[in-house]
Full PDB file with SEQRES, HELIX, SHEET, SSBOND, CRYST1, ORIGX, SCALE, CONECT and MASTER records, all heavy atoms in Angstrom:
SEQRES   1 A   32  CYS THR ALA SER GLY SER MET PHE ASP PRO ASP VAL MET          
SEQRES   2 A   32  ALA TRP TYR ARG GLN ALA PRO GLY LYS GLN ARG GLU LEU          
SEQRES   3 A   32  VAL ALA THR ILE PRO SER                                      
SHEET    1 AA1 2 VAL A  12  ARG A  17  0                                        
SHEET    2 AA1 2 GLU A  25  PRO A  31 -1                                        
CRYST1    1.000    1.000    1.000  90.00  90.00  90.00 P 1           1          
ORIGX1      1.000000  0.000000  0.000000        0.00000                         
ORIGX2      0.000000  1.000000  0.000000        0.00000                         
ORIGX3      0.000000  0.000000  1.000000        0.00000                         
SCALE1      1.000000  0.000000  0.000000        0.00000                         
SCALE2      0.000000  1.000000  0.000000        0.00000                         
SCALE3      0.000000  0.000000  1.000000        0.00000                         
ATOM      1  N   CYS A   1     120.233 114.601  98.659  1.00  0.00           N  
ATOM      2  CA  CYS A   1     119.574 113.409  99.240  1.00  0.00           C  
ATOM      3  C   CYS A   1     119.292 113.747 100.722  1.00  0.00           C  
ATOM      4  O   CYS A   1     120.125 114.170 101.470  1.00  0.00           O  
ATOM      5  CB  CYS A   1     120.553 112.235  99.116  1.00  0.00           C  
ATOM      6  SG  CYS A   1     120.067 110.797 100.119  1.00  0.00           S  
ATOM      7  N   THR A   2     118.019 113.423 101.093  1.00  0.00           N  
ATOM      8  CA  THR A   2     117.613 113.675 102.428  1.00  0.00           C  
ATOM      9  C   THR A   2     117.046 112.432 103.075  1.00  0.00           C  
ATOM     10  O   THR A   2     116.299 111.661 102.378  1.00  0.00           O  
ATOM     11  CB  THR A   2     116.473 114.756 102.402  1.00  0.00           C  
ATOM     12  OG1 THR A   2     117.007 116.003 101.935  1.00  0.00           O  
ATOM     13  CG2 THR A   2     115.980 114.981 103.888  1.00  0.00           C  
ATOM     14  N   ALA A   3     117.476 112.156 104.275  1.00  0.00           N  
ATOM     15  CA  ALA A   3     117.017 111.033 105.037  1.00  0.00           C  
ATOM     16  C   ALA A   3     116.024 111.590 106.110  1.00  0.00           C  
ATOM     17  O   ALA A   3     116.396 112.531 106.769  1.00  0.00           O  
ATOM     18  CB  ALA A   3     118.160 110.342 105.712  1.00  0.00           C  
ATOM     19  N   SER A   4     114.914 110.912 106.211  1.00  0.00           N  
ATOM     20  CA  SER A   4     113.882 111.405 107.181  1.00  0.00           C  
ATOM     21  C   SER A   4     113.302 110.179 107.892  1.00  0.00           C  
ATOM     22  O   SER A   4     113.339 109.075 107.356  1.00  0.00           O  
ATOM     23  CB  SER A   4     112.824 112.206 106.499  1.00  0.00           C  
ATOM     24  OG  SER A   4     112.128 111.469 105.511  1.00  0.00           O  
ATOM     25  N   GLY A   5     112.568 110.459 108.917  1.00  0.00           N  
ATOM     26  CA  GLY A   5     111.779 109.387 109.602  1.00  0.00           C  
ATOM     27  C   GLY A   5     112.469 108.622 110.720  1.00  0.00           C  
ATOM     28  O   GLY A   5     111.950 107.698 111.222  1.00  0.00           O  
ATOM     29  N   SER A   6     113.707 109.020 111.021  1.00  0.00           N  
ATOM     30  CA  SER A   6     114.423 108.316 112.099  1.00  0.00           C  
ATOM     31  C   SER A   6     114.626 109.266 113.282  1.00  0.00           C  
ATOM     32  O   SER A   6     114.900 110.436 113.071  1.00  0.00           O  
ATOM     33  CB  SER A   6     115.787 107.770 111.561  1.00  0.00           C  
ATOM     34  OG  SER A   6     116.564 107.272 112.578  1.00  0.00           O  
ATOM     35  N   MET A   7     114.674 108.659 114.474  1.00  0.00           N  
ATOM     36  CA  MET A   7     114.949 109.483 115.650  1.00  0.00           C  
ATOM     37  C   MET A   7     116.469 109.542 115.812  1.00  0.00           C  
ATOM     38  O   MET A   7     116.864 110.255 116.722  1.00  0.00           O  
ATOM     39  CB  MET A   7     114.235 108.921 116.884  1.00  0.00           C  
ATOM     40  CG  MET A   7     114.698 107.413 117.217  1.00  0.00           C  
ATOM     41  SD  MET A   7     113.740 106.764 118.576  1.00  0.00           S  
ATOM     42  CE  MET A   7     114.235 107.811 119.948  1.00  0.00           C  
ATOM     43  N   PHE A   8     117.295 108.806 115.038  1.00  0.00           N  
ATOM     44  CA  PHE A   8     118.636 108.850 115.085  1.00  0.00           C  
ATOM     45  C   PHE A   8     119.177 109.500 113.805  1.00  0.00           C  
ATOM     46  O   PHE A   8     118.742 109.211 112.694  1.00  0.00           O  
ATOM     47  CB  PHE A   8     119.228 107.427 115.245  1.00  0.00           C  
ATOM     48  CG  PHE A   8     118.772 106.704 116.426  1.00  0.00           C  
ATOM     49  CD1 PHE A   8     117.811 105.733 116.332  1.00  0.00           C  
ATOM     50  CD2 PHE A   8     119.278 107.033 117.708  1.00  0.00           C  
ATOM     51  CE1 PHE A   8     117.253 105.063 117.462  1.00  0.00           C  
ATOM     52  CE2 PHE A   8     118.844 106.326 118.861  1.00  0.00           C  
ATOM     53  CZ  PHE A   8     117.764 105.331 118.700  1.00  0.00           C  
ATOM     54  N   ASP A   9     120.259 110.252 113.964  1.00  0.00           N  
ATOM     55  CA  ASP A   9     120.900 110.817 112.812  1.00  0.00           C  
ATOM     56  C   ASP A   9     121.696 109.801 112.097  1.00  0.00           C  
ATOM     57  O   ASP A   9     122.266 108.836 112.689  1.00  0.00           O  
ATOM     58  CB  ASP A   9     121.831 111.969 113.202  1.00  0.00           C  
ATOM     59  CG  ASP A   9     121.057 113.150 113.691  1.00  0.00           C  
ATOM     60  OD1 ASP A   9     119.908 113.357 113.343  1.00  0.00           O  
ATOM     61  OD2 ASP A   9     121.603 113.918 114.528  1.00  0.00           O  
ATOM     62  N   PRO A  10     121.844 109.810 110.753  1.00  0.00           N  
ATOM     63  CA  PRO A  10     122.560 108.777 110.046  1.00  0.00           C  
ATOM     64  C   PRO A  10     124.025 108.864 110.430  1.00  0.00           C  
ATOM     65  O   PRO A  10     124.628 109.928 110.582  1.00  0.00           O  
ATOM     66  CB  PRO A  10     122.495 109.210 108.530  1.00  0.00           C  
ATOM     67  CG  PRO A  10     121.162 109.957 108.524  1.00  0.00           C  
ATOM     68  CD  PRO A  10     121.077 110.695 109.813  1.00  0.00           C  
ATOM     69  N   ASP A  11     124.668 107.678 110.671  1.00  0.00           N  
ATOM     70  CA  ASP A  11     126.075 107.669 110.935  1.00  0.00           C  
ATOM     71  C   ASP A  11     126.906 107.957 109.773  1.00  0.00           C  
ATOM     72  O   ASP A  11     127.927 108.527 109.803  1.00  0.00           O  
ATOM     73  CB  ASP A  11     126.396 106.225 111.469  1.00  0.00           C  
ATOM     74  CG  ASP A  11     125.575 105.949 112.717  1.00  0.00           C  
ATOM     75  OD1 ASP A  11     125.693 106.692 113.700  1.00  0.00           O  
ATOM     76  OD2 ASP A  11     124.926 104.904 112.715  1.00  0.00           O  
ATOM     77  N   VAL A  12     126.419 107.462 108.584  1.00  0.00           N  
ATOM     78  CA  VAL A  12     127.144 107.659 107.303  1.00  0.00           C  
ATOM     79  C   VAL A  12     126.059 107.925 106.248  1.00  0.00           C  
ATOM     80  O   VAL A  12     125.022 107.381 106.293  1.00  0.00           O  
ATOM     81  CB  VAL A  12     127.934 106.368 106.961  1.00  0.00           C  
ATOM     82  CG1 VAL A  12     128.608 106.579 105.541  1.00  0.00           C  
ATOM     83  CG2 VAL A  12     128.905 105.988 107.965  1.00  0.00           C  
ATOM     84  N   MET A  13     126.386 108.824 105.375  1.00  0.00           N  
ATOM     85  CA  MET A  13     125.618 108.992 104.158  1.00  0.00           C  
ATOM     86  C   MET A  13     126.585 108.877 102.990  1.00  0.00           C  
ATOM     87  O   MET A  13     127.775 109.248 103.058  1.00  0.00           O  
ATOM     88  CB  MET A  13     124.901 110.343 104.162  1.00  0.00           C  
ATOM     89  CG  MET A  13     123.903 110.447 105.290  1.00  0.00           C  
ATOM     90  SD  MET A  13     122.833 111.901 105.171  1.00  0.00           S  
ATOM     91  CE  MET A  13     121.673 111.386 103.956  1.00  0.00           C  
ATOM     92  N   ALA A  14     126.083 108.297 101.866  1.00  0.00           N  
ATOM     93  CA  ALA A  14     126.977 108.036 100.761  1.00  0.00           C  
ATOM     94  C   ALA A  14     126.172 107.979  99.474  1.00  0.00           C  
ATOM     95  O   ALA A  14     124.978 107.789  99.388  1.00  0.00           O  
ATOM     96  CB  ALA A  14     127.639 106.640 100.972  1.00  0.00           C  
ATOM     97  N   TRP A  15     126.960 108.185  98.409  1.00  0.00           N  
ATOM     98  CA  TRP A  15     126.451 108.033  97.034  1.00  0.00           C  
ATOM     99  C   TRP A  15     127.116 106.913  96.333  1.00  0.00           C  
ATOM    100  O   TRP A  15     128.267 106.721  96.470  1.00  0.00           O  
ATOM    101  CB  TRP A  15     126.739 109.340  96.257  1.00  0.00           C  
ATOM    102  CG  TRP A  15     125.948 110.534  96.673  1.00  0.00           C  
ATOM    103  CD1 TRP A  15     126.247 111.553  97.465  1.00  0.00           C  
ATOM    104  CD2 TRP A  15     124.585 110.855  96.209  1.00  0.00           C  
ATOM    105  NE1 TRP A  15     125.222 112.452  97.617  1.00  0.00           N  
ATOM    106  CE2 TRP A  15     124.182 112.042  96.803  1.00  0.00           C  
ATOM    107  CE3 TRP A  15     123.664 110.229  95.334  1.00  0.00           C  
ATOM    108  CZ2 TRP A  15     122.972 112.628  96.592  1.00  0.00           C  
ATOM    109  CZ3 TRP A  15     122.405 110.800  95.134  1.00  0.00           C  
ATOM    110  CH2 TRP A  15     122.146 111.994  95.791  1.00  0.00           C  
ATOM    111  N   TYR A  16     126.259 106.096  95.721  1.00  0.00           N  
ATOM    112  CA  TYR A  16     126.652 104.998  94.812  1.00  0.00           C  
ATOM    113  C   TYR A  16     126.121 105.354  93.424  1.00  0.00           C  
ATOM    114  O   TYR A  16     125.287 106.203  93.308  1.00  0.00           O  
ATOM    115  CB  TYR A  16     126.127 103.698  95.260  1.00  0.00           C  
ATOM    116  CG  TYR A  16     126.884 103.145  96.503  1.00  0.00           C  
ATOM    117  CD1 TYR A  16     126.608 103.671  97.796  1.00  0.00           C  
ATOM    118  CD2 TYR A  16     127.720 101.997  96.455  1.00  0.00           C  
ATOM    119  CE1 TYR A  16     127.234 103.140  98.924  1.00  0.00           C  
ATOM    120  CE2 TYR A  16     128.322 101.495  97.556  1.00  0.00           C  
ATOM    121  CZ  TYR A  16     128.106 102.009  98.719  1.00  0.00           C  
ATOM    122  OH  TYR A  16     128.728 101.569  99.868  1.00  0.00           O  
ATOM    123  N   ARG A  17     126.589 104.655  92.481  1.00  0.00           N  
ATOM    124  CA  ARG A  17     126.037 104.706  91.120  1.00  0.00           C  
ATOM    125  C   ARG A  17     126.068 103.306  90.432  1.00  0.00           C  
ATOM    126  O   ARG A  17     126.903 102.523  90.739  1.00  0.00           O  
ATOM    127  CB  ARG A  17     126.795 105.706  90.280  1.00  0.00           C  
ATOM    128  CG  ARG A  17     128.241 105.415  89.944  1.00  0.00           C  
ATOM    129  CD  ARG A  17     128.875 106.595  89.176  1.00  0.00           C  
ATOM    130  NE  ARG A  17     130.308 106.292  88.814  1.00  0.00           N  
ATOM    131  CZ  ARG A  17     131.136 107.188  88.344  1.00  0.00           C  
ATOM    132  NH1 ARG A  17     130.700 108.479  88.086  1.00  0.00           N  
ATOM    133  NH2 ARG A  17     132.343 106.828  88.006  1.00  0.00           N  
ATOM    134  N   GLN A  18     125.211 103.148  89.469  1.00  0.00           N  
ATOM    135  CA  GLN A  18     125.095 101.939  88.745  1.00  0.00           C  
ATOM    136  C   GLN A  18     124.778 102.266  87.353  1.00  0.00           C  
ATOM    137  O   GLN A  18     123.709 102.854  87.008  1.00  0.00           O  
ATOM    138  CB  GLN A  18     124.130 100.967  89.380  1.00  0.00           C  
ATOM    139  CG  GLN A  18     124.109  99.576  88.717  1.00  0.00           C  
ATOM    140  CD  GLN A  18     123.364  98.563  89.583  1.00  0.00           C  
ATOM    141  OE1 GLN A  18     122.552  98.909  90.460  1.00  0.00           O  
ATOM    142  NE2 GLN A  18     123.674  97.366  89.373  1.00  0.00           N  
ATOM    143  N   ALA A  19     125.698 101.855  86.425  1.00  0.00           N  
ATOM    144  CA  ALA A  19     125.471 102.057  85.010  1.00  0.00           C  
ATOM    145  C   ALA A  19     124.963 100.787  84.476  1.00  0.00           C  
ATOM    146  O   ALA A  19     125.125  99.687  85.001  1.00  0.00           O  
ATOM    147  CB  ALA A  19     126.866 102.375  84.406  1.00  0.00           C  
ATOM    148  N   PRO A  20     124.256 100.848  83.315  1.00  0.00           N  
ATOM    149  CA  PRO A  20     123.672  99.674  82.752  1.00  0.00           C  
ATOM    150  C   PRO A  20     124.772  98.580  82.489  1.00  0.00           C  
ATOM    151  O   PRO A  20     125.806  98.835  81.845  1.00  0.00           O  
ATOM    152  CB  PRO A  20     123.101 100.197  81.391  1.00  0.00           C  
ATOM    153  CG  PRO A  20     122.841 101.594  81.603  1.00  0.00           C  
ATOM    154  CD  PRO A  20     123.908 102.024  82.582  1.00  0.00           C  
ATOM    155  N   GLY A  21     124.420  97.410  82.971  1.00  0.00           N  
ATOM    156  CA  GLY A  21     125.360  96.194  82.774  1.00  0.00           C  
ATOM    157  C   GLY A  21     126.570  96.232  83.643  1.00  0.00           C  
ATOM    158  O   GLY A  21     127.410  95.339  83.487  1.00  0.00           O  
ATOM    159  N   LYS A  22     126.567  97.114  84.629  1.00  0.00           N  
ATOM    160  CA  LYS A  22     127.691  97.189  85.513  1.00  0.00           C  
ATOM    161  C   LYS A  22     127.246  97.079  86.979  1.00  0.00           C  
ATOM    162  O   LYS A  22     126.120  97.256  87.266  1.00  0.00           O  
ATOM    163  CB  LYS A  22     128.451  98.485  85.367  1.00  0.00           C  
ATOM    164  CG  LYS A  22     129.143  98.717  83.983  1.00  0.00           C  
ATOM    165  CD  LYS A  22     130.013  99.955  83.943  1.00  0.00           C  
ATOM    166  CE  LYS A  22     130.741 100.051  82.579  1.00  0.00           C  
ATOM    167  NZ  LYS A  22     131.645 101.218  82.623  1.00  0.00           N  
ATOM    168  N   GLN A  23     128.257  96.715  87.775  1.00  0.00           N  
ATOM    169  CA  GLN A  23     127.945  96.588  89.233  1.00  0.00           C  
ATOM    170  C   GLN A  23     127.766  97.927  89.883  1.00  0.00           C  
ATOM    171  O   GLN A  23     128.424  98.951  89.383  1.00  0.00           O  
ATOM    172  CB  GLN A  23     129.007  95.750  89.977  1.00  0.00           C  
ATOM    173  CG  GLN A  23     129.000  94.351  89.571  1.00  0.00           C  
ATOM    174  CD  GLN A  23     129.997  93.505  90.506  1.00  0.00           C  
ATOM    175  OE1 GLN A  23     131.013  94.011  90.863  1.00  0.00           O  
ATOM    176  NE2 GLN A  23     129.667  92.281  90.774  1.00  0.00           N  
ATOM    177  N   ARG A  24     126.998  98.071  90.890  1.00  0.00           N  
ATOM    178  CA  ARG A  24     126.962  99.221  91.693  1.00  0.00           C  
ATOM    179  C   ARG A  24     128.304  99.576  92.283  1.00  0.00           C  
ATOM    180  O   ARG A  24     128.993  98.653  92.804  1.00  0.00           O  
ATOM    181  CB  ARG A  24     125.887  99.037  92.820  1.00  0.00           C  
ATOM    182  CG  ARG A  24     125.642 100.290  93.607  1.00  0.00           C  
ATOM    183  CD  ARG A  24     124.485 100.055  94.615  1.00  0.00           C  
ATOM    184  NE  ARG A  24     123.271  99.735  93.981  1.00  0.00           N  
ATOM    185  CZ  ARG A  24     122.137  99.531  94.584  1.00  0.00           C  
ATOM    186  NH1 ARG A  24     122.053  99.599  95.914  1.00  0.00           N  
ATOM    187  NH2 ARG A  24     121.012  99.194  93.930  1.00  0.00           N  
ATOM    188  N   GLU A  25     128.701 100.841  92.226  1.00  0.00           N  
ATOM    189  CA  GLU A  25     130.024 101.203  92.730  1.00  0.00           C  
ATOM    190  C   GLU A  25     129.885 102.419  93.665  1.00  0.00           C  
ATOM    191  O   GLU A  25     128.991 103.322  93.471  1.00  0.00           O  
ATOM    192  CB  GLU A  25     130.997 101.487  91.610  1.00  0.00           C  
ATOM    193  CG  GLU A  25     130.611 102.753  90.763  1.00  0.00           C  
ATOM    194  CD  GLU A  25     131.660 103.071  89.773  1.00  0.00           C  
ATOM    195  OE1 GLU A  25     132.841 102.572  89.883  1.00  0.00           O  
ATOM    196  OE2 GLU A  25     131.422 103.997  88.924  1.00  0.00           O  
ATOM    197  N   LEU A  26     130.726 102.515  94.664  1.00  0.00           N  
ATOM    198  CA  LEU A  26     130.762 103.616  95.545  1.00  0.00           C  
ATOM    199  C   LEU A  26     131.330 104.825  94.876  1.00  0.00           C  
ATOM    200  O   LEU A  26     132.340 104.738  94.201  1.00  0.00           O  
ATOM    201  CB  LEU A  26     131.670 103.317  96.811  1.00  0.00           C  
ATOM    202  CG  LEU A  26     131.766 104.434  97.813  1.00  0.00           C  
ATOM    203  CD1 LEU A  26     130.551 104.755  98.535  1.00  0.00           C  
ATOM    204  CD2 LEU A  26     132.936 104.136  98.799  1.00  0.00           C  
ATOM    205  N   VAL A  27     130.613 106.000  95.036  1.00  0.00           N  
ATOM    206  CA  VAL A  27     131.162 107.273  94.501  1.00  0.00           C  
ATOM    207  C   VAL A  27     131.808 108.017  95.575  1.00  0.00           C  
ATOM    208  O   VAL A  27     132.978 108.484  95.493  1.00  0.00           O  
ATOM    209  CB  VAL A  27     129.946 108.114  93.891  1.00  0.00           C  
ATOM    210  CG1 VAL A  27     130.501 109.436  93.445  1.00  0.00           C  
ATOM    211  CG2 VAL A  27     129.305 107.283  92.764  1.00  0.00           C  
ATOM    212  N   ALA A  28     131.203 108.260  96.718  1.00  0.00           N  
ATOM    213  CA  ALA A  28     131.723 108.963  97.831  1.00  0.00           C  
ATOM    214  C   ALA A  28     130.901 108.690  99.038  1.00  0.00           C  
ATOM    215  O   ALA A  28     129.728 108.430  98.999  1.00  0.00           O  
ATOM    216  CB  ALA A  28     131.686 110.494  97.520  1.00  0.00           C  
ATOM    217  N   THR A  29     131.583 108.764 100.166  1.00  0.00           N  
ATOM    218  CA  THR A  29     130.951 108.550 101.498  1.00  0.00           C  
ATOM    219  C   THR A  29     131.376 109.629 102.471  1.00  0.00           C  
ATOM    220  O   THR A  29     132.577 110.032 102.451  1.00  0.00           O  
ATOM    221  CB  THR A  29     131.243 107.097 101.958  1.00  0.00           C  
ATOM    222  OG1 THR A  29     130.552 106.905 103.234  1.00  0.00           O  
ATOM    223  CG2 THR A  29     132.727 106.921 102.150  1.00  0.00           C  
ATOM    224  N   ILE A  30     130.437 110.011 103.294  1.00  0.00           N  
ATOM    225  CA  ILE A  30     130.767 111.015 104.321  1.00  0.00           C  
ATOM    226  C   ILE A  30     130.180 110.609 105.617  1.00  0.00           C  
ATOM    227  O   ILE A  30     128.937 110.606 105.804  1.00  0.00           O  
ATOM    228  CB  ILE A  30     130.278 112.438 103.884  1.00  0.00           C  
ATOM    229  CG1 ILE A  30     130.679 113.511 104.863  1.00  0.00           C  
ATOM    230  CG2 ILE A  30     128.714 112.420 103.498  1.00  0.00           C  
ATOM    231  CD1 ILE A  30     130.453 114.937 104.313  1.00  0.00           C  
ATOM    232  N   PRO A  31     130.962 110.273 106.590  1.00  0.00           N  
ATOM    233  CA  PRO A  31     130.507 109.839 107.889  1.00  0.00           C  
ATOM    234  C   PRO A  31     130.231 111.084 108.738  1.00  0.00           C  
ATOM    235  O   PRO A  31     130.710 112.148 108.475  1.00  0.00           O  
ATOM    236  CB  PRO A  31     131.587 108.989 108.440  1.00  0.00           C  
ATOM    237  CG  PRO A  31     132.873 109.614 107.832  1.00  0.00           C  
ATOM    238  CD  PRO A  31     132.436 110.076 106.444  1.00  0.00           C  
ATOM    239  N   SER A  32     129.463 110.881 109.842  1.00  0.00           N  
ATOM    240  CA  SER A  32     129.284 111.937 110.784  1.00  0.00           C  
ATOM    241  C   SER A  32     130.588 112.336 111.511  1.00  0.00           C  
ATOM    242  O   SER A  32     130.786 113.445 111.888  1.00  0.00           O  
ATOM    243  CB  SER A  32     128.165 111.566 111.812  1.00  0.00           C  
ATOM    244  OG  SER A  32     128.433 110.412 112.485  1.00  0.00           O  
TER     245      SER A  32                                                      
MASTER        0    0    0    0    2    0    0    6  244    1    0    3          
END                                                                             
């Protein structure tokens, strides 16, 4: 996953996932 277009670096980047019929859930997060 790449973030672009900002003059600031992301403070946090993270992965979430959503299965059919389920709520979105956090998979992993990595802060700067």
